[in-house]
Amino acid sequence: MAKNYIVVTYQSAELFLEEYKSESQRLNNKVWKYEKDSESELTVALKNTNSTYQEALKKSWRSGGNVI
């Protein structure tokens, strides 16, 4: 049963990031950049919606969140 929760959580996060990307591109008239094929969806979202990736990481760690 625990495996099902992990799969559902992963799928939900993946769907959220896909919808977030679509909405962000539409609202900002900006196509997201992908530098590497191996980048995670979360990394791509952070890089394309914040002024700098490092700034996003710092903000998250200050608030107690875990970005990666």
N, C-alpha and C. Protein backbone atom coordinates (compact mmCIF):
# COMPACT_ATOMS: atom_id res chain seq x y z
N MET A 1 0.82 -1.19 0.00
CA MET A 1 0.00 0.00 0.00
C MET A 1 0.86 1.27 0.00
N ALA A 2 1.98 1.23 0.71
CA ALA A 2 2.86 2.39 0.76
C ALA A 2 3.40 2.74 -0.62
N LYS A 3 3.65 1.72 -1.44
CA LYS A 3 4.15 1.95 -2.80
C LYS A 3 3.14 2.76 -3.60
N ASN A 4 1.85 2.47 -3.41
CA ASN A 4 0.81 3.22 -4.12
C ASN A 4 0.83 4.69 -3.75
N TYR A 5 1.04 4.99 -2.46
CA TYR A 5 1.11 6.38 -2.02
C TYR A 5 2.28 7.12 -2.67
N ILE A 6 3.40 6.42 -2.76
CA ILE A 6 4.58 7.03 -3.39
C ILE A 6 4.31 7.32 -4.85
N VAL A 7 3.72 6.38 -5.55
CA VAL A 7 3.43 6.57 -6.97
C VAL A 7 2.43 7.70 -7.17
N VAL A 8 1.37 7.73 -6.37
CA VAL A 8 0.35 8.78 -6.49
C VAL A 8 0.95 10.14 -6.18
N THR A 9 1.80 10.22 -5.17
CA THR A 9 2.44 11.49 -4.82
C THR A 9 3.33 11.97 -5.95
N TYR A 10 4.12 11.07 -6.52
CA TYR A 10 5.00 11.42 -7.64
C TYR A 10 4.18 11.89 -8.84
N GLN A 11 3.12 11.17 -9.16
CA GLN A 11 2.29 11.53 -10.30
C GLN A 11 1.61 12.88 -10.08
N SER A 12 1.17 13.14 -8.87
CA SER A 12 0.53 14.42 -8.56
C SER A 12 1.51 15.58 -8.70
N ALA A 13 2.73 15.38 -8.21
CA ALA A 13 3.75 16.42 -8.32
C ALA A 13 4.11 16.67 -9.79
N GLU A 14 4.23 15.60 -10.55
CA GLU A 14 4.55 15.72 -11.97
C GLU A 14 3.46 16.47 -12.72
N LEU A 15 2.21 16.16 -12.44
CA LEU A 15 1.08 16.84 -13.08
C LEU A 15 1.05 18.32 -12.70
N PHE A 16 1.29 18.61 -11.41
CA PHE A 16 1.32 19.99 -10.96
C PHE A 16 2.39 20.78 -11.70
N LEU A 17 3.59 20.23 -11.81
CA LEU A 17 4.68 20.94 -12.47
C LEU A 17 4.41 21.15 -13.96
N GLU A 18 3.78 20.19 -14.60
CA GLU A 18 3.44 20.35 -16.02
C GLU A 18 2.41 21.47 -16.21
N GLU A 19 1.40 21.50 -15.33
CA GLU A 19 0.38 22.55 -15.42
C GLU A 19 0.97 23.91 -15.06
N TYR A 20 1.86 23.93 -14.07
CA TYR A 20 2.51 25.16 -13.65
C TYR A 20 3.35 25.73 -14.79
N LYS A 21 4.08 24.86 -15.47
CA LYS A 21 4.91 25.28 -16.60
C LYS A 21 4.03 25.89 -17.70
N SER A 22 2.97 25.22 -18.02
CA SER A 22 2.06 25.69 -19.06
C SER A 22 1.48 27.07 -18.72
N GLU A 23 1.01 27.20 -17.48
CA GLU A 23 0.43 28.48 -17.05
C GLU A 23 1.48 29.59 -17.02
N SER A 24 2.66 29.27 -16.50
CA SER A 24 3.72 30.27 -16.40
C SER A 24 4.14 30.76 -17.78
N GLN A 25 4.27 29.84 -18.73
CA GLN A 25 4.66 30.23 -20.08
C GLN A 25 3.58 31.11 -20.72
N ARG A 26 2.34 30.75 -20.49
CA ARG A 26 1.23 31.52 -21.07
C ARG A 26 1.15 32.92 -20.46
N LEU A 27 1.27 33.03 -19.15
CA LEU A 27 1.14 34.31 -18.48
C LEU A 27 2.33 35.25 -18.73
N ASN A 28 3.51 34.66 -18.85
CA ASN A 28 4.72 35.48 -19.01
C ASN A 28 5.20 35.58 -20.46
N ASN A 29 4.51 34.93 -21.38
CA ASN A 29 4.91 34.91 -22.78
C ASN A 29 6.39 34.55 -22.92
N LYS A 30 6.78 33.52 -22.19
CA LYS A 30 8.19 33.11 -22.17
C LYS A 30 8.28 31.59 -22.22
N VAL A 31 9.06 31.07 -23.15
CA VAL A 31 9.26 29.63 -23.25
C VAL A 31 10.37 29.23 -22.29
N TRP A 32 10.13 28.21 -21.52
CA TRP A 32 11.12 27.76 -20.55
C TRP A 32 12.33 27.16 -21.25
N LYS A 33 13.50 27.40 -20.67
CA LYS A 33 14.75 26.88 -21.21
C LYS A 33 15.14 25.61 -20.47
N TYR A 34 15.63 24.65 -21.23
CA TYR A 34 16.15 23.40 -20.67
C TYR A 34 17.61 23.32 -21.06
N GLU A 35 18.49 23.25 -20.05
CA GLU A 35 19.92 23.20 -20.34
C GLU A 35 20.43 21.77 -20.48
N LYS A 36 19.84 20.85 -19.74
CA LYS A 36 20.28 19.46 -19.76
C LYS A 36 19.05 18.56 -19.82
N ASP A 37 19.19 17.44 -20.47
CA ASP A 37 18.10 16.48 -20.52
C ASP A 37 17.84 15.84 -19.16
N SER A 38 18.86 15.83 -18.31
CA SER A 38 18.74 15.14 -17.03
C SER A 38 18.18 16.02 -15.91
N GLU A 39 17.85 17.28 -16.20
CA GLU A 39 17.33 18.16 -15.16
C GLU A 39 15.93 17.72 -14.73
N SER A 40 15.68 17.79 -13.44
CA SER A 40 14.36 17.43 -12.94
C SER A 40 13.36 18.54 -13.27
N GLU A 41 12.10 18.19 -13.26
CA GLU A 41 11.05 19.18 -13.53
C GLU A 41 11.09 20.30 -12.50
N LEU A 42 11.39 19.96 -11.25
CA LEU A 42 11.45 20.97 -10.19
C LEU A 42 12.61 21.94 -10.44
N THR A 43 13.76 21.43 -10.83
CA THR A 43 14.91 22.28 -11.12
C THR A 43 14.60 23.23 -12.27
N VAL A 44 13.97 22.72 -13.31
CA VAL A 44 13.61 23.55 -14.47
C VAL A 44 12.61 24.62 -14.06
N ALA A 45 11.64 24.26 -13.22
CA ALA A 45 10.65 25.24 -12.76
C ALA A 45 11.31 26.35 -11.95
N LEU A 46 12.23 25.99 -11.07
CA LEU A 46 12.92 27.00 -10.27
C LEU A 46 13.78 27.91 -11.13
N LYS A 47 14.49 27.33 -12.07
CA LYS A 47 15.37 28.13 -12.93
C LYS A 47 14.59 29.10 -13.82
N ASN A 48 13.39 28.72 -14.22
CA ASN A 48 12.64 29.54 -15.16
C ASN A 48 11.64 30.48 -14.52
N THR A 49 11.42 30.39 -13.24
CA THR A 49 10.46 31.28 -12.60
C THR A 49 11.08 32.20 -11.55
N ASN A 50 12.35 32.07 -11.30
CA ASN A 50 13.04 32.93 -10.35
C ASN A 50 14.16 33.67 -11.07
N SER A 51 14.54 34.82 -10.50
CA SER A 51 15.59 35.61 -11.15
C SER A 51 16.90 34.83 -11.24
N THR A 52 17.22 34.09 -10.21
CA THR A 52 18.38 33.21 -10.28
C THR A 52 18.07 31.93 -9.52
N TYR A 53 18.66 30.86 -9.97
CA TYR A 53 18.45 29.56 -9.34
C TYR A 53 19.00 29.56 -7.91
N GLN A 54 20.17 30.14 -7.73
CA GLN A 54 20.77 30.19 -6.40
C GLN A 54 19.90 30.99 -5.42
N GLU A 55 19.29 32.07 -5.89
CA GLU A 55 18.41 32.87 -5.05
C GLU A 55 17.22 32.02 -4.59
N ALA A 56 16.68 31.23 -5.48
CA ALA A 56 15.56 30.36 -5.13
C ALA A 56 15.97 29.33 -4.09
N LEU A 57 17.16 28.78 -4.25
CA LEU A 57 17.63 27.81 -3.27
C LEU A 57 17.81 28.46 -1.90
N LYS A 58 18.40 29.63 -1.87
CA LYS A 58 18.61 30.33 -0.60
C LYS A 58 17.28 30.62 0.10
N LYS A 59 16.31 31.10 -0.66
CA LYS A 59 14.99 31.42 -0.09
C LYS A 59 14.35 30.16 0.49
N SER A 60 14.45 29.07 -0.23
CA SER A 60 13.83 27.83 0.24
C SER A 60 14.50 27.33 1.51
N TRP A 61 15.82 27.35 1.56
CA TRP A 61 16.51 26.86 2.73
C TRP A 61 16.26 27.76 3.93
N ARG A 62 16.12 29.06 3.71
CA ARG A 62 15.83 29.97 4.82
C ARG A 62 14.47 29.68 5.41
N SER A 63 13.53 29.28 4.56
CA SER A 63 12.16 29.02 5.04
C SER A 63 12.01 27.60 5.58
N GLY A 64 13.09 26.83 5.53
CA GLY A 64 13.04 25.47 6.07
C GLY A 64 12.61 24.43 5.08
N GLY A 65 12.42 24.82 3.81
CA GLY A 65 11.99 23.87 2.78
C GLY A 65 13.16 23.12 2.20
N ASN A 66 12.86 22.03 1.56
CA ASN A 66 13.89 21.21 0.92
C ASN A 66 13.63 21.23 -0.58
N VAL A 67 14.45 21.92 -1.34
CA VAL A 67 14.24 22.10 -2.76
C VAL A 67 14.60 20.85 -3.54
N ILE A 68 15.73 20.27 -3.26
CA ILE A 68 16.21 19.15 -4.06
C ILE A 68 16.17 17.87 -3.27
